[in-house]
PDB file of N, CA and C in Angstrom:
ATOM      1  N   MET A   1       0.973  -1.212  -0.015  1.00  0.00           N
ATOM      2  CA  MET A   1       0.014  -0.069  -0.058  1.00  0.00           C
ATOM      3  C   MET A   1       0.910   1.279   0.037  1.00  0.00           C
ATOM      4  N   PHE A   2       0.345   2.219  -0.622  1.00  0.00           N
ATOM      5  CA  PHE A   2       1.142   3.587  -0.652  1.00  0.00           C
ATOM      6  C   PHE A   2       1.088   4.281   0.704  1.00  0.00           C
ATOM      7  N   GLU A   3       2.293   4.711   1.248  1.00  0.00           N
ATOM      8  CA  GLU A   3       2.297   5.431   2.533  1.00  0.00           C
ATOM      9  C   GLU A   3       2.860   6.819   2.265  1.00  0.00           C
ATOM     10  N   LEU A   4       2.176   7.832   2.624  1.00  0.00           N
ATOM     11  CA  LEU A   4       2.422   9.179   2.685  1.00  0.00           C
ATOM     12  C   LEU A   4       3.501   9.676   3.642  1.00  0.00           C
ATOM     13  N   GLY A   5       3.785   9.059   4.783  1.00  0.00           N
ATOM     14  CA  GLY A   5       4.699   9.362   5.542  1.00  0.00           C
ATOM     15  C   GLY A   5       4.201  10.681   6.298  1.00  0.00           C
ATOM     16  N   ILE A   6       3.014  10.992   6.485  1.00  0.00           N
ATOM     17  CA  ILE A   6       2.704  12.175   7.157  1.00  0.00           C
ATOM     18  C   ILE A   6       2.147  11.752   8.621  1.00  0.00           C
ATOM     19  N   THR A   7       2.562  12.532   9.683  1.00  0.00           N
ATOM     20  CA  THR A   7       2.233  12.127  10.911  1.00  0.00           C
ATOM     21  C   THR A   7       0.842  12.771  11.244  1.00  0.00           C
ATOM     22  N   THR A   8       0.115  12.236  12.435  1.00  0.00           N
ATOM     23  CA  THR A   8      -0.951  12.801  12.833  1.00  0.00           C
ATOM     24  C   THR A   8      -0.832  14.326  13.490  1.00  0.00           C
ATOM     25  N   GLU A   9       0.502  14.705  14.098  1.00  0.00           N
ATOM     26  CA  GLU A   9       0.693  15.898  14.439  1.00  0.00           C
ATOM     27  C   GLU A   9       0.855  16.884  13.219  1.00  0.00           C
ATOM     28  N   GLN A  10       1.349  16.471  12.174  1.00  0.00           N
ATOM     29  CA  GLN A  10       1.381  17.259  10.962  1.00  0.00           C
ATOM     30  C   GLN A  10      -0.153  17.548  10.277  1.00  0.00           C
ATOM     31  N   VAL A  11      -1.066  16.516  10.316  1.00  0.00           N
ATOM     32  CA  VAL A  11      -2.367  16.795   9.976  1.00  0.00           C
ATOM     33  C   VAL A  11      -3.003  17.695  10.979  1.00  0.00           C
ATOM     34  N   ILE A  12      -2.886  17.603  12.176  1.00  0.00           N
ATOM     35  CA  ILE A  12      -3.554  18.363  13.171  1.00  0.00           C
ATOM     36  C   ILE A  12      -3.028  19.703  12.963  1.00  0.00           C
ATOM     37  N   GLY A  13      -1.553  19.887  12.862  1.00  0.00           N
ATOM     38  CA  GLY A  13      -1.185  21.232  12.645  1.00  0.00           C
ATOM     39  C   GLY A  13      -1.531  21.968  11.467  1.00  0.00           C
ATOM     40  N   TYR A  14      -1.703  21.141  10.395  1.00  0.00           N
ATOM     41  CA  TYR A  14      -2.366  21.831   9.307  1.00  0.00           C
ATOM     42  C   TYR A  14      -3.782  22.346   9.331  1.00  0.00           C
ATOM     43  N   LEU A  15      -4.463  21.530  10.093  1.00  0.00           N
ATOM     44  CA  LEU A  15      -6.038  21.995  10.306  1.00  0.00           C
ATOM     45  C   LEU A  15      -6.101  23.132  11.355  1.00  0.00           C
ATOM     46  N   LEU A  16      -4.992  23.183  12.164  1.00  0.00           N
ATOM     47  CA  LEU A  16      -4.952  24.321  13.152  1.00  0.00           C
ATOM     48  C   LEU A  16      -4.648  25.586  12.192  1.00  0.00           C
ATOM     49  N   VAL A  17      -3.709  25.450  11.382  1.00  0.00           N
ATOM     50  CA  VAL A  17      -3.299  26.634  10.625  1.00  0.00           C
ATOM     51  C   VAL A  17      -4.519  26.968   9.734  1.00  0.00           C
ATOM     52  N   PHE A  18      -5.141  26.089   9.086  1.00  0.00           N
ATOM     53  CA  PHE A  18      -6.345  26.264   8.267  1.00  0.00           C
ATOM     54  C   PHE A  18      -7.375  27.031   9.050  1.00  0.00           C
ATOM     55  N   ALA A  19      -7.617  26.639  10.378  1.00  0.00           N
ATOM     56  CA  ALA A  19      -8.686  27.211  10.957  1.00  0.00           C
ATOM     57  C   ALA A  19      -8.492  28.810  10.911  1.00  0.00           C
ATOM     58  N   ARG A  20      -7.251  29.234  11.361  1.00  0.00           N
ATOM     59  CA  ARG A  20      -6.990  30.610  11.511  1.00  0.00           C
ATOM     60  C   ARG A  20      -6.931  31.275  10.154  1.00  0.00           C
ATOM     61  N   VAL A  21      -6.284  30.671   9.146  1.00  0.00           N
ATOM     62  CA  VAL A  21      -6.271  31.270   7.773  1.00  0.00           C
ATOM     63  C   VAL A  21      -7.718  31.232   7.038  1.00  0.00           C
ATOM     64  N   GLY A  22      -8.433  30.156   7.271  1.00  0.00           N
ATOM     65  CA  GLY A  22      -9.727  30.177   6.627  1.00  0.00           C
ATOM     66  C   GLY A  22     -10.715  31.221   7.321  1.00  0.00           C
ATOM     67  N   ALA A  23     -10.604  31.429   8.626  1.00  0.00           N
ATOM     68  CA  ALA A  23     -11.466  32.481   9.077  1.00  0.00           C
ATOM     69  C   ALA A  23     -11.112  33.877   8.636  1.00  0.00           C
ATOM     70  N   TRP A  24      -9.638  34.034   8.515  1.00  0.00           N
ATOM     71  CA  TRP A  24      -9.177  35.394   8.013  1.00  0.00           C
ATOM     72  C   TRP A  24      -9.674  35.446   6.666  1.00  0.00           C
ATOM     73  N   VAL A  25      -9.415  34.447   5.757  1.00  0.00           N
ATOM     74  CA  VAL A  25      -9.915  34.556   4.368  1.00  0.00           C
ATOM     75  C   VAL A  25     -11.256  34.770   4.226  1.00  0.00           C
ATOM     76  N   TRP A  26     -12.108  34.212   5.090  1.00  0.00           N
ATOM     77  CA  TRP A  26     -13.513  34.422   4.944  1.00  0.00           C
ATOM     78  C   TRP A  26     -14.031  35.793   5.095  1.00  0.00           C
ATOM     79  N   LEU A  27     -13.211  36.575   5.937  1.00  0.00           N
ATOM     80  CA  LEU A  27     -13.694  37.890   6.280  1.00  0.00           C
ATOM     81  C   LEU A  27     -12.969  39.038   5.522  1.00  0.00           C
ATOM     82  N   THR A  28     -11.730  38.764   5.004  1.00  0.00           N
ATOM     83  CA  THR A  28     -11.023  39.681   4.568  1.00  0.00           C
ATOM     84  C   THR A  28     -11.301  40.101   3.175  1.00  0.00           C
ATOM     85  N   PRO A  29     -11.554  41.262   2.853  1.00  0.00           N
ATOM     86  CA  PRO A  29     -11.967  41.802   1.392  1.00  0.00           C
ATOM     87  C   PRO A  29     -10.540  41.609   0.579  1.00  0.00           C
ATOM     88  N   PRO A  30     -10.578  41.462  -0.610  1.00  0.00           N
ATOM     89  CA  PRO A  30     -11.591  41.096  -1.507  1.00  0.00           C
ATOM     90  C   PRO A  30     -12.052  39.648  -1.556  1.00  0.00           C
ATOM     91  N   LEU A  31     -11.358  38.847  -0.665  1.00  0.00           N
ATOM     92  CA  LEU A  31     -11.577  37.336  -0.720  1.00  0.00           C
ATOM     93  C   LEU A  31     -12.908  36.978  -0.124  1.00  0.00           C
ATOM     94  N   GLY A  32     -13.325  37.923   1.081  1.00  0.00           N
ATOM     95  CA  GLY A  32     -14.575  37.598   1.591  1.00  0.00           C
ATOM     96  C   GLY A  32     -15.627  38.353   1.085  1.00  0.00           C
ATOM     97  N   GLY A  33     -16.859  38.021   1.352  1.00  0.00           N
ATOM     98  CA  GLY A  33     -17.886  39.108   0.884  1.00  0.00           C
ATOM     99  C   GLY A  33     -18.410  38.395  -0.423  1.00  0.00           C
ATOM    100  N   PRO A  34     -19.399  38.863  -1.034  1.00  0.00           N
ATOM    101  CA  PRO A  34     -20.214  38.233  -2.069  1.00  0.00           C
ATOM    102  C   PRO A  34     -19.532  38.285  -3.508  1.00  0.00           C
ATOM    103  N   PHE A  35     -18.232  38.536  -3.550  1.00  0.00           N
ATOM    104  CA  PHE A  35     -17.468  38.599  -4.925  1.00  0.00           C
ATOM    105  C   PHE A  35     -17.088  37.255  -5.291  1.00  0.00           C
ATOM    106  N   LEU A  36     -16.710  36.197  -4.301  1.00  0.00           N
ATOM    107  CA  LEU A  36     -16.154  35.047  -4.463  1.00  0.00           C
ATOM    108  C   LEU A  36     -17.084  33.823  -3.924  1.00  0.00           C
ATOM    109  N   PRO A  37     -17.376  32.822  -4.642  1.00  0.00           N
ATOM    110  CA  PRO A  37     -17.992  31.754  -4.146  1.00  0.00           C
ATOM    111  C   PRO A  37     -17.568  31.200  -2.951  1.00  0.00           C
ATOM    112  N   PRO A  38     -18.228  30.553  -2.079  1.00  0.00           N
ATOM    113  CA  PRO A  38     -17.549  29.960  -0.811  1.00  0.00           C
ATOM    114  C   PRO A  38     -16.469  28.895  -1.131  1.00  0.00           C
ATOM    115  N   GLN A  39     -16.769  28.055  -2.274  1.00  0.00           N
ATOM    116  CA  GLN A  39     -15.630  27.078  -2.561  1.00  0.00           C
ATOM    117  C   GLN A  39     -14.290  27.659  -2.789  1.00  0.00           C
ATOM    118  N   VAL A  40     -14.409  28.805  -3.598  1.00  0.00           N
ATOM    119  CA  VAL A  40     -13.089  29.485  -3.785  1.00  0.00           C
ATOM    120  C   VAL A  40     -12.447  30.023  -2.600  1.00  0.00           C
ATOM    121  N   ARG A  41     -13.239  30.513  -1.688  1.00  0.00           N
ATOM    122  CA  ARG A  41     -12.767  31.049  -0.333  1.00  0.00           C
ATOM    123  C   ARG A  41     -12.071  29.909   0.434  1.00  0.00           C
ATOM    124  N   VAL A  42     -12.758  28.781   0.554  1.00  0.00           N
ATOM    125  CA  VAL A  42     -12.146  27.609   1.208  1.00  0.00           C
ATOM    126  C   VAL A  42     -10.884  27.059   0.548  1.00  0.00           C
ATOM    127  N   LEU A  43     -10.922  26.898  -0.889  1.00  0.00           N
ATOM    128  CA  LEU A  43      -9.677  26.485  -1.517  1.00  0.00           C
ATOM    129  C   LEU A  43      -8.548  27.447  -1.271  1.00  0.00           C
ATOM    130  N   THR A  44      -8.838  28.832  -1.250  1.00  0.00           N
ATOM    131  CA  THR A  44      -7.792  29.807  -1.069  1.00  0.00           C
ATOM    132  C   THR A  44      -7.288  29.598   0.360  1.00  0.00           C
ATOM    133  N   GLY A  45      -8.168  29.470   1.342  1.00  0.00           N
ATOM    134  CA  GLY A  45      -7.651  29.074   2.720  1.00  0.00           C
ATOM    135  C   GLY A  45      -6.709  27.950   2.801  1.00  0.00           C
ATOM    136  N   LEU A  46      -7.232  26.931   2.032  1.00  0.00           N
ATOM    137  CA  LEU A  46      -6.365  25.507   1.997  1.00  0.00           C
ATOM    138  C   LEU A  46      -4.994  25.849   1.230  1.00  0.00           C
ATOM    139  N   ALA A  47      -5.071  26.635   0.317  1.00  0.00           N
ATOM    140  CA  ALA A  47      -3.703  27.061  -0.290  1.00  0.00           C
ATOM    141  C   ALA A  47      -2.816  27.871   0.458  1.00  0.00           C
ATOM    142  N   PHE A  48      -3.252  28.837   1.216  1.00  0.00           N
ATOM    143  CA  PHE A  48      -2.469  29.651   1.880  1.00  0.00           C
ATOM    144  C   PHE A  48      -1.963  28.826   3.213  1.00  0.00           C
ATOM    145  N   ALA A  49      -2.653  27.893   3.728  1.00  0.00           N
ATOM    146  CA  ALA A  49      -2.283  27.207   4.948  1.00  0.00           C
ATOM    147  C   ALA A  49      -1.230  26.097   4.730  1.00  0.00           C
ATOM    148  N   ILE A  50      -1.061  25.787   3.463  1.00  0.00           N
ATOM    149  CA  ILE A  50      -0.017  24.724   3.016  1.00  0.00           C
ATOM    150  C   ILE A  50       1.230  25.237   3.377  1.00  0.00           C
ATOM    151  N   PRO A  51       1.685  26.348   2.863  1.00  0.00           N
ATOM    152  CA  PRO A  51       3.199  26.695   3.005  1.00  0.00           C
ATOM    153  C   PRO A  51       3.587  27.147   4.479  1.00  0.00           C
ATOM    154  N   MET A  52       2.393  27.631   5.221  1.00  0.00           N
ATOM    155  CA  MET A  52       2.599  28.155   6.633  1.00  0.00           C
ATOM    156  C   MET A  52       2.564  27.135   7.771  1.00  0.00           C
ATOM    157  N   THR A  53       2.309  25.712   7.323  1.00  0.00           N
ATOM    158  CA  THR A  53       2.111  24.648   8.264  1.00  0.00           C
ATOM    159  C   THR A  53       3.471  24.387   8.844  1.00  0.00           C
ATOM    160  N   PRO A  54       4.545  24.037   8.044  1.00  0.00           N
ATOM    161  CA  PRO A  54       5.742  23.581   8.641  1.00  0.00           C
ATOM    162  C   PRO A  54       6.444  24.572   9.748  1.00  0.00           C
ATOM    163  N   GLY A  55       6.312  25.951   9.417  1.00  0.00           N
ATOM    164  CA  GLY A  55       6.794  26.922  10.297  1.00  0.00           C
ATOM    165  C   GLY A  55       5.907  27.032  11.656  1.00  0.00           C
ATOM    166  N   ALA A  56       4.484  26.721  11.452  1.00  0.00           N
ATOM    167  CA  ALA A  56       3.644  26.776  12.506  1.00  0.00           C
ATOM    168  C   ALA A  56       3.951  25.673  13.487  1.00  0.00           C
ATOM    169  N   ILE A  57       4.208  24.552  12.953  1.00  0.00           N
ATOM    170  CA  ILE A  57       4.473  23.253  13.725  1.00  0.00           C
ATOM    171  C   ILE A  57       5.836  23.487  14.443  1.00  0.00           C
ATOM    172  N   ALA A  58       6.750  23.937  13.830  1.00  0.00           N
ATOM    173  CA  ALA A  58       7.991  24.221  14.451  1.00  0.00           C
ATOM    174  C   ALA A  58       7.999  25.261  15.486  1.00  0.00           C
ATOM    175  N   ALA A  59       7.240  26.318  15.292  1.00  0.00           N
ATOM    176  CA  ALA A  59       7.208  27.314  16.362  1.00  0.00           C
ATOM    177  C   ALA A  59       6.374  26.991  17.532  1.00  0.00           C
ATOM    178  N   SER A  60       5.430  26.030  17.254  1.00  0.00           N
ATOM    179  CA  SER A  60       4.596  25.577  18.542  1.00  0.00           C
ATOM    180  C   SER A  60       5.328  24.673  19.418  1.00  0.00           C
ATOM    181  N   GLY A  61       6.382  24.104  19.049  1.00  0.00           N
ATOM    182  CA  GLY A  61       7.090  23.183  19.884  1.00  0.00           C
ATOM    183  C   GLY A  61       6.371  21.779  20.097  1.00  0.00           C
ATOM    184  N   GLY A  62       5.406  21.498  19.382  1.00  0.00           N
ATOM    185  CA  GLY A  62       4.625  20.205  19.589  1.00  0.00           C
ATOM    186  C   GLY A  62       3.243  20.413  19.621  1.00  0.00           C
ATOM    187  N   ILE A  63       2.335  19.577  19.283  1.00  0.00           N
ATOM    188  CA  ILE A  63       1.011  19.601  19.315  1.00  0.00           C
ATOM    189  C   ILE A  63       0.397  18.616  20.198  1.00  0.00           C
ATOM    190  N   SER A  64      -0.361  18.926  21.157  1.00  0.00           N
ATOM    191  CA  SER A  64      -0.982  17.915  22.084  1.00  0.00           C
ATOM    192  C   SER A  64      -2.092  17.307  21.343  1.00  0.00           C
ATOM    193  N   LEU A  65      -2.093  15.990  21.470  1.00  0.00           N
ATOM    194  CA  LEU A  65      -3.241  15.194  20.815  1.00  0.00           C
ATOM    195  C   LEU A  65      -4.532  14.999  21.710  1.00  0.00           C
ATOM    196  N   ASP A  66      -4.534  15.687  22.849  1.00  0.00           N
ATOM    197  CA  ASP A  66      -5.682  15.444  23.721  1.00  0.00           C
ATOM    198  C   ASP A  66      -6.997  16.249  23.233  1.00  0.00           C
ATOM    199  N   PRO A  67      -7.972  15.448  23.039  1.00  0.00           N
ATOM    200  CA  PRO A  67      -9.140  16.122  22.391  1.00  0.00           C
ATOM    201  C   PRO A  67      -9.733  17.341  23.036  1.00  0.00           C
ATOM    202  N   LEU A  68      -9.789  17.601  24.373  1.00  0.00           N
ATOM    203  CA  LEU A  68     -10.176  18.693  24.942  1.00  0.00           C
ATOM    204  C   LEU A  68      -9.357  19.952  24.606  1.00  0.00           C
ATOM    205  N   ASN A  69      -7.937  19.706  24.689  1.00  0.00           N
ATOM    206  CA  ASN A  69      -7.090  20.807  24.416  1.00  0.00           C
ATOM    207  C   ASN A  69      -7.137  21.084  22.765  1.00  0.00           C
ATOM    208  N   LEU A  70      -7.337  19.974  21.933  1.00  0.00           N
ATOM    209  CA  LEU A  70      -7.586  20.404  20.516  1.00  0.00           C
ATOM    210  C   LEU A  70      -8.623  21.242  20.213  1.00  0.00           C
ATOM    211  N   LEU A  71      -9.898  20.972  20.884  1.00  0.00           N
ATOM    212  CA  LEU A  71     -10.985  21.801  20.765  1.00  0.00           C
ATOM    213  C   LEU A  71     -10.731  23.259  21.307  1.00  0.00           C
ATOM    214  N   PHE A  72     -10.036  23.281  22.310  1.00  0.00           N
ATOM    215  CA  PHE A  72      -9.766  24.760  22.724  1.00  0.00           C
ATOM    216  C   PHE A  72      -8.651  25.384  21.675  1.00  0.00           C
ATOM    217  N   GLN A  73      -7.717  24.726  21.299  1.00  0.00           N
ATOM    218  CA  GLN A  73      -6.799  25.266  20.285  1.00  0.00           C
ATOM    219  C   GLN A  73      -7.476  25.692  19.071  1.00  0.00           C
ATOM    220  N   PHE A  74      -8.495  24.772  18.577  1.00  0.00           N
ATOM    221  CA  PHE A  74      -9.270  25.159  17.327  1.00  0.00           C
ATOM    222  C   PHE A  74      -9.971  26.333  17.648  1.00  0.00           C
ATOM    223  N   ALA A  75     -10.624  26.537  18.836  1.00  0.00           N
ATOM    224  CA  ALA A  75     -11.407  27.796  19.069  1.00  0.00           C
ATOM    225  C   ALA A  75     -10.627  29.075  19.104  1.00  0.00           C
ATOM    226  N   ILE A  76      -9.366  28.920  19.698  1.00  0.00           N
ATOM    227  CA  ILE A  76      -8.451  29.968  19.743  1.00  0.00           C
ATOM    228  C   ILE A  76      -8.015  30.389  18.405  1.00  0.00           C
ATOM    229  N   GLN A  77      -7.698  29.496  17.507  1.00  0.00           N
ATOM    230  CA  GLN A  77      -7.199  29.754  16.149  1.00  0.00           C
ATOM    231  C   GLN A  77      -8.468  30.429  15.316  1.00  0.00           C
ATOM    232  N   ILE A  78      -9.538  29.890  15.493  1.00  0.00           N
ATOM    233  CA  ILE A  78     -10.712  30.659  14.752  1.00  0.00           C
ATOM    234  C   ILE A  78     -10.954  32.074  15.221  1.00  0.00           C
ATOM    235  N   ALA A  79     -10.818  32.162  16.681  1.00  0.00           N
ATOM    236  CA  ALA A  79     -11.048  33.657  17.168  1.00  0.00           C
ATOM    237  C   ALA A  79     -10.031  34.440  16.644  1.00  0.00           C
ATOM    238  N   ILE A  80      -8.706  34.100  16.622  1.00  0.00           N
ATOM    239  CA  ILE A  80      -7.643  34.748  16.095  1.00  0.00           C
ATOM    240  C   ILE A  80      -7.815  35.081  14.683  1.00  0.00           C
ATOM    241  N   GLY A  81      -8.288  34.184  13.886  1.00  0.00           N
ATOM    242  CA  GLY A  81      -8.478  34.523  12.317  1.00  0.00           C
ATOM    243  C   GLY A  81      -9.775  35.454  12.175  1.00  0.00           C
ATOM    244  N   VAL A  82     -10.575  35.378  13.031  1.00  0.00           N
ATOM    245  CA  VAL A  82     -11.875  36.289  13.000  1.00  0.00           C
ATOM    246  C   VAL A  82     -11.302  37.731  13.280  1.00  0.00           C
ATOM    247  N   ALA A  83     -10.593  37.724  14.371  1.00  0.00           N
ATOM    248  CA  ALA A  83     -10.066  39.081  14.798  1.00  0.00           C
ATOM    249  C   ALA A  83      -9.113  39.725  13.676  1.00  0.00           C
ATOM    250  N   LEU A  84      -8.283  38.967  12.992  1.00  0.00           N
ATOM    251  CA  LEU A  84      -7.354  39.271  11.912  1.00  0.00           C
ATOM    252  C   LEU A  84      -8.308  39.813  10.781  1.00  0.00           C
ATOM    253  N   GLY A  85      -9.304  39.111  10.472  1.00  0.00           N
ATOM    254  CA  GLY A  85     -10.161  39.238   9.367  1.00  0.00           C
ATOM    255  C   GLY A  85     -10.947  40.626   9.535  1.00  0.00           C
ATOM    256  N   LEU A  86     -11.485  40.768  10.783  1.00  0.00           N
ATOM    257  CA  LEU A  86     -12.263  41.987  11.047  1.00  0.00           C
ATOM    258  C   LEU A  86     -11.342  43.290  11.052  1.00  0.00           C
ATOM    259  N   ALA A  87     -10.066  43.103  11.577  1.00  0.00           N
ATOM    260  CA  ALA A  87      -9.154  44.137  11.597  1.00  0.00           C
ATOM    261  C   ALA A  87      -8.933  44.591  10.046  1.00  0.00           C
ATOM    262  N   CYS A  88      -8.713  43.497   9.135  1.00  0.00           N
ATOM    263  CA  CYS A  88      -8.305  43.976   7.784  1.00  0.00           C
ATOM    264  C   CYS A  88      -9.630  44.597   7.133  1.00  0.00           C
ATOM    265  N   LEU A  89     -10.855  44.062   7.601  1.00  0.00           N
ATOM    266  CA  LEU A  89     -12.066  44.612   6.976  1.00  0.00           C
ATOM    267  C   LEU A  89     -12.139  45.972   7.405  1.00  0.00           C
ATOM    268  N   ILE A  90     -12.024  46.317   8.733  1.00  0.00           N
ATOM    269  CA  ILE A  90     -12.127  47.695   9.283  1.00  0.00           C
ATOM    270  C   ILE A  90     -11.087  48.592   8.497  1.00  0.00           C
ATOM    271  N   LEU A  91      -9.921  48.217   8.339  1.00  0.00           N
ATOM    272  CA  LEU A  91      -8.794  48.904   7.732  1.00  0.00           C
ATOM    273  C   LEU A  91      -9.402  49.514   6.334  1.00  0.00           C
ATOM    274  N   LEU A  92      -9.718  48.366   5.561  1.00  0.00           N
ATOM    275  CA  LEU A  92     -10.036  48.522   4.074  1.00  0.00           C
ATOM    276  C   LEU A  92     -11.222  49.371   3.997  1.00  0.00           C
ATOM    277  N   SER A  93     -12.238  49.266   5.087  1.00  0.00           N
ATOM    278  CA  SER A  93     -13.460  50.094   5.038  1.00  0.00           C
ATOM    279  C   SER A  93     -13.156  51.393   5.284  1.00  0.00           C
ATOM    280  N   ALA A  94     -12.069  51.870   6.181  1.00  0.00           N
ATOM    281  CA  ALA A  94     -11.868  53.036   6.433  1.00  0.00           C
ATOM    282  C   ALA A  94     -11.082  53.734   5.233  1.00  0.00           C
ATOM    283  N   VAL A  95     -10.174  52.950   4.466  1.00  0.00           N
ATOM    284  CA  VAL A  95      -9.662  53.412   3.394  1.00  0.00           C
ATOM    285  C   VAL A  95     -10.732  53.794   2.231  1.00  0.00           C
ATOM    286  N   GLN A  96     -11.685  52.841   2.220  1.00  0.00           N
ATOM    287  CA  GLN A  96     -12.755  53.068   1.035  1.00  0.00           C
ATOM    288  C   GLN A  96     -13.642  54.192   1.600  1.00  0.00           C
ATOM    289  N   SER A  97     -13.943  54.412   2.793  1.00  0.00           N
ATOM    290  CA  SER A  97     -14.651  55.568   3.131  1.00  0.00           C
ATOM    291  C   SER A  97     -13.944  56.813   2.948  1.00  0.00           C
ATOM    292  N   ALA A  98     -12.661  56.821   3.180  1.00  0.00           N
ATOM    293  CA  ALA A  98     -11.849  58.087   2.895  1.00  0.00           C
ATOM    294  C   ALA A  98     -12.009  58.454   1.567  1.00  0.00           C
ATOM    295  N   GLY A  99     -11.755  57.444   0.616  1.00  0.00           N
ATOM    296  CA  GLY A  99     -11.805  57.457  -0.642  1.00  0.00           C
ATOM    297  C   GLY A  99     -13.236  58.249  -1.170  1.00  0.00           C
ATOM    298  N   ALA A 100     -14.261  57.606  -0.569  1.00  0.00           N
ATOM    299  CA  ALA A 100     -15.493  58.272  -0.878  1.00  0.00           C
ATOM    300  C   ALA A 100     -15.638  59.620  -0.483  1.00  0.00           C
ATOM    301  N   VAL A 101     -15.217  60.014   0.691  1.00  0.00           N
ATOM    302  CA  VAL A 101     -15.161  61.322   1.135  1.00  0.00           C
ATOM    303  C   VAL A 101     -14.449  62.211   0.097  1.00  0.00           C
ATOM    304  N   ILE A 102     -13.181  61.870  -0.227  1.00  0.00           N
ATOM    305  CA  ILE A 102     -12.426  62.569  -1.019  1.00  0.00           C
ATOM    306  C   ILE A 102     -13.048  62.819  -2.421  1.00  0.00           C
ATOM    307  N   ASP A 103     -13.754  61.775  -2.891  1.00  0.00           N
ATOM    308  CA  ASP A 103     -14.451  61.811  -4.106  1.00  0.00           C
ATOM    309  C   ASP A 103     -15.543  62.874  -4.337  1.00  0.00           C
ATOM    310  N   VAL A 104     -16.243  63.109  -3.216  1.00  0.00           N
ATOM    311  CA  VAL A 104     -17.463  64.095  -3.240  1.00  0.00           C
ATOM    312  C   VAL A 104     -16.847  65.412  -3.236  1.00  0.00           C
TER     313      VAL A 104
END
């Protein structure tokens, strides 16, 4: 049988990175909003998470496989992603509003 050589820690690490990046992509303009279909936003989040995963796993110093801890970690990563996405949304909305004021 074909073996990939991917550990459980790598898969969980990728999913944790995707939780943060996916929440960020979902809210950040122009990726978030009505302009792109949800499938494109999810695939964009998956594509952004791939190169970030090795660095995130190395920086974390190891991932605990305890189910309760994993649930807590996923909640933290989603909250951080939402906060980053909202910060980008607010910043770009401020720039857009300033442009509208200047345009008048």
